[in-house]
């Protein structure tokens, strides 16, 4: 069965990333597009970019191996370690404490997966193969990203501002729909 696509509001939500290597660093890099309320638990930071993220975004770093109970106060746990037994143990602990878990490269220990995504301002477009081929998602994202107009984030901000000034109702919906349709038709002639 496929994963259900959902966009989560991470405002005021705490995330823990277990691991200090390249994959942990990549996950932290993606999370920073949405929040900086991130704690890293790892005996060592292997990827220099992770040191930079910790310093530049004031992330909390706990320099030790994972200990049972580390996930208890978190909304999400990202398990980026190669030890499959540890992945399983953390996943089971997450289930017990109702913490969403993503164990990198172990679908069976995931409540959710990271899609490949495009983020341009408030626009977010996600691509997923439900773990079947992350590489295909990545290349599809790259292809679609090249098709997006350069000013799409600015256009979306204008629509957002306009929407906030108009009263709810059919007229607002029709006006905004018309502006969106006109923009898309201008940039994608065949639609």
Protein backbone atom coordinates (compact mmCIF):
# COMPACT_ATOMS: atom_id res chain seq x y z
CA UNK A 1 0.00 0.00 0.00
CA UNK A 2 1.20 3.53 -0.79
CA UNK A 3 1.92 6.28 1.73
CA UNK A 4 -0.76 8.97 2.15
CA UNK A 5 0.50 12.40 1.02
CA UNK A 6 0.13 15.04 3.74
CA UNK A 7 1.82 18.33 4.54
CA UNK A 8 2.50 18.75 8.26
CA UNK A 9 2.61 22.00 10.18
CA UNK A 10 5.89 21.81 12.10
CA UNK A 11 5.38 25.10 13.95
CA UNK A 12 6.12 24.50 17.63
CA UNK A 13 6.87 20.81 16.94
CA UNK A 14 10.14 19.27 18.09
CA UNK A 15 12.13 16.95 15.83
CA UNK A 16 15.00 14.66 16.76
CA UNK A 17 17.51 13.35 14.23
CA UNK A 18 19.52 10.36 15.38
CA UNK A 19 22.81 10.13 13.53
CA UNK A 20 25.58 12.47 12.42
CA UNK A 21 26.51 11.27 8.93
CA UNK A 22 25.68 12.35 5.39
CA UNK A 23 22.11 11.01 5.40
CA UNK A 24 21.34 12.69 8.75
CA UNK A 25 22.80 15.90 7.33
CA UNK A 26 20.64 15.64 4.20
CA UNK A 27 17.50 15.13 6.32
CA UNK A 28 18.36 18.10 8.53
CA UNK A 29 18.93 20.20 5.40
CA UNK A 30 15.43 19.33 4.16
CA UNK A 31 13.84 19.94 7.56
CA UNK A 32 15.44 23.39 7.73
CA UNK A 33 13.18 24.43 4.84
CA UNK A 34 10.31 24.11 7.34
CA UNK A 35 11.64 24.40 10.92
CA UNK A 36 14.77 24.84 12.99
CA UNK A 37 13.33 23.17 16.12
CA UNK A 38 15.70 20.24 15.58
CA UNK A 39 17.82 18.22 18.01
CA UNK A 40 20.62 15.97 16.76
CA UNK A 41 21.72 12.97 18.83
CA UNK A 42 24.99 11.43 17.61
CA UNK A 43 28.30 10.39 19.16
CA UNK A 44 30.08 12.36 16.42
CA UNK A 45 29.25 14.70 13.55
CA UNK A 46 30.82 13.18 10.45
CA UNK A 47 29.54 15.62 7.81
CA UNK A 48 30.93 19.16 8.10
CA UNK A 49 27.68 20.58 6.69
CA UNK A 50 25.90 19.34 9.83
CA UNK A 51 28.30 21.37 12.00
CA UNK A 52 27.43 24.39 9.88
CA UNK A 53 23.67 23.75 10.21
CA UNK A 54 24.00 23.40 13.98
CA UNK A 55 25.87 26.71 14.27
CA UNK A 56 23.95 28.76 11.70
CA UNK A 57 20.47 27.62 12.81
CA UNK A 58 21.18 27.25 16.53
CA UNK A 59 20.22 23.55 16.54
CA UNK A 60 20.55 21.49 19.70
CA UNK A 61 23.27 18.83 19.54
CA UNK A 62 23.61 16.00 22.08
CA UNK A 63 27.09 14.44 21.54
CA UNK A 64 26.45 10.82 22.50
CA UNK A 65 24.86 7.63 21.23
CA UNK A 66 21.08 7.26 21.32
CA UNK A 67 19.63 6.22 24.68
CA UNK A 68 16.18 4.77 25.30
CA UNK A 69 13.82 7.62 26.14
CA UNK A 70 15.51 10.21 23.89
CA UNK A 71 12.46 10.37 21.61
CA UNK A 72 9.81 10.89 24.29
CA UNK A 73 9.31 14.66 24.04
CA UNK A 74 9.42 14.82 20.24
CA UNK A 75 6.78 14.93 17.51
CA UNK A 76 9.02 13.31 14.89
CA UNK A 77 12.10 11.09 15.07
CA UNK A 78 14.41 10.63 12.09
CA UNK A 79 16.63 7.57 12.50
CA UNK A 80 19.66 7.97 10.23
CA UNK A 81 21.91 5.17 11.46
CA UNK A 82 23.10 2.01 9.69
CA UNK A 83 22.34 -0.28 12.66
CA UNK A 84 19.08 -2.04 11.66
CA UNK A 85 18.51 -3.42 15.16
CA UNK A 86 18.74 0.13 16.55
CA UNK A 87 16.37 1.38 13.84
CA UNK A 88 13.86 -1.27 14.87
CA UNK A 89 14.22 -0.53 18.58
CA UNK A 90 13.74 3.22 18.07
CA UNK A 91 10.76 2.61 15.78
CA UNK A 92 9.11 0.38 18.41
CA UNK A 93 9.77 3.00 21.08
CA UNK A 94 8.25 5.66 18.80
CA UNK A 95 5.14 3.53 18.38
CA UNK A 96 4.85 3.19 22.14
CA UNK A 97 5.10 6.97 22.67
CA UNK A 98 3.08 8.08 19.59
CA UNK A 99 6.11 9.73 17.92
CA UNK A 100 6.16 9.71 14.11
CA UNK A 101 9.22 7.81 12.91
CA UNK A 102 11.27 7.74 9.73
CA UNK A 103 14.04 5.16 9.66
CA UNK A 104 16.14 5.99 6.64
CA UNK A 105 16.14 3.20 4.01
CA UNK A 106 13.99 0.90 6.18
CA UNK A 107 10.40 1.33 4.97
CA UNK A 108 9.19 -1.23 7.52
CA UNK A 109 10.27 1.16 10.31
CA UNK A 110 8.64 4.28 8.86
CA UNK A 111 5.38 6.00 9.70
CA UNK A 112 6.17 8.45 6.89
CA UNK A 113 8.77 8.97 4.21
CA UNK A 114 10.49 12.06 2.86
CA UNK A 115 9.33 12.87 -0.65
CA UNK A 116 11.51 14.61 -3.15
CA UNK A 117 10.09 18.13 -3.30
CA UNK A 118 10.19 21.55 -4.85
CA UNK A 119 9.75 24.53 -2.54
CA UNK A 120 9.33 27.97 -4.07
CA UNK A 121 8.01 30.31 -1.38
CA UNK A 122 4.66 28.89 -0.27
CA UNK A 123 4.49 26.51 -3.23
CA UNK A 124 5.42 22.94 -2.34
CA UNK A 125 5.27 20.16 -4.90
CA UNK A 126 6.15 16.67 -3.65
CA UNK A 127 7.17 13.56 -5.58
CA UNK A 128 7.11 10.06 -4.14
CA UNK A 129 7.25 6.47 -5.29
CA UNK A 130 6.33 5.26 -1.76
CA UNK A 131 9.92 4.16 -1.33
CA UNK A 132 10.01 2.03 -4.49
CA UNK A 133 12.54 4.30 -6.25
CA UNK A 134 13.69 7.51 -4.54
CA UNK A 135 15.99 8.07 -7.54
CA UNK A 136 13.00 8.28 -9.91
CA UNK A 137 11.34 10.83 -7.60
CA UNK A 138 14.54 12.88 -7.57
CA UNK A 139 14.89 12.98 -11.36
CA UNK A 140 11.19 13.69 -11.89
CA UNK A 141 11.46 16.59 -9.42
CA UNK A 142 14.45 17.99 -11.31
CA UNK A 143 12.61 17.75 -14.64
CA UNK A 144 9.45 19.45 -13.32
CA UNK A 145 11.44 22.14 -11.49
CA UNK A 146 12.93 23.24 -14.82
CA UNK A 147 9.41 23.81 -16.15
CA UNK A 148 8.32 26.15 -13.34
CA UNK A 149 8.31 29.88 -14.12
CA UNK A 150 11.04 31.83 -12.32
CA UNK A 151 8.51 34.21 -10.75
CA UNK A 152 6.07 31.61 -9.41
CA UNK A 153 6.88 32.34 -5.73
CA UNK A 154 6.29 36.07 -6.27
CA UNK A 155 3.04 35.41 -8.15
CA UNK A 156 1.82 33.15 -5.37
CA UNK A 157 2.65 35.84 -2.79
CA UNK A 158 0.57 38.35 -4.77
CA UNK A 159 -2.36 35.92 -4.84
CA UNK A 160 -1.99 35.33 -1.12
CA UNK A 161 -2.02 39.07 -0.40
CA UNK A 162 -5.01 39.65 -2.67
CA UNK A 163 -6.89 36.75 -1.09
CA UNK A 164 -6.40 38.23 2.38
CA UNK A 165 -8.02 41.53 1.31
CA UNK A 166 -11.17 40.03 -0.23
CA UNK A 167 -14.22 38.75 1.63
CA UNK A 168 -14.82 35.00 1.44
CA UNK A 169 -17.31 33.85 -1.09
CA UNK A 170 -17.98 32.94 -4.68
CA UNK A 171 -16.67 36.23 -6.13
CA UNK A 172 -13.30 35.86 -4.38
CA UNK A 173 -13.05 32.25 -5.51
CA UNK A 174 -13.81 33.15 -9.14
CA UNK A 175 -11.39 36.09 -9.18
CA UNK A 176 -8.50 34.08 -7.73
CA UNK A 177 -9.29 31.09 -9.96
CA UNK A 178 -9.21 33.35 -13.02
CA UNK A 179 -5.87 34.90 -12.07
CA UNK A 180 -4.32 31.47 -11.42
CA UNK A 181 -5.67 30.07 -14.71
CA UNK A 182 -4.41 33.10 -16.65
CA UNK A 183 -0.93 32.78 -15.09
CA UNK A 184 -0.67 29.08 -15.86
CA UNK A 185 -1.94 29.50 -19.43
CA UNK A 186 0.59 32.30 -20.00
CA UNK A 187 3.47 30.01 -18.96
CA UNK A 188 2.11 26.67 -20.21
CA UNK A 189 0.50 27.34 -23.58
CA UNK A 190 -0.66 23.75 -24.13
CA UNK A 191 -2.82 23.56 -20.96
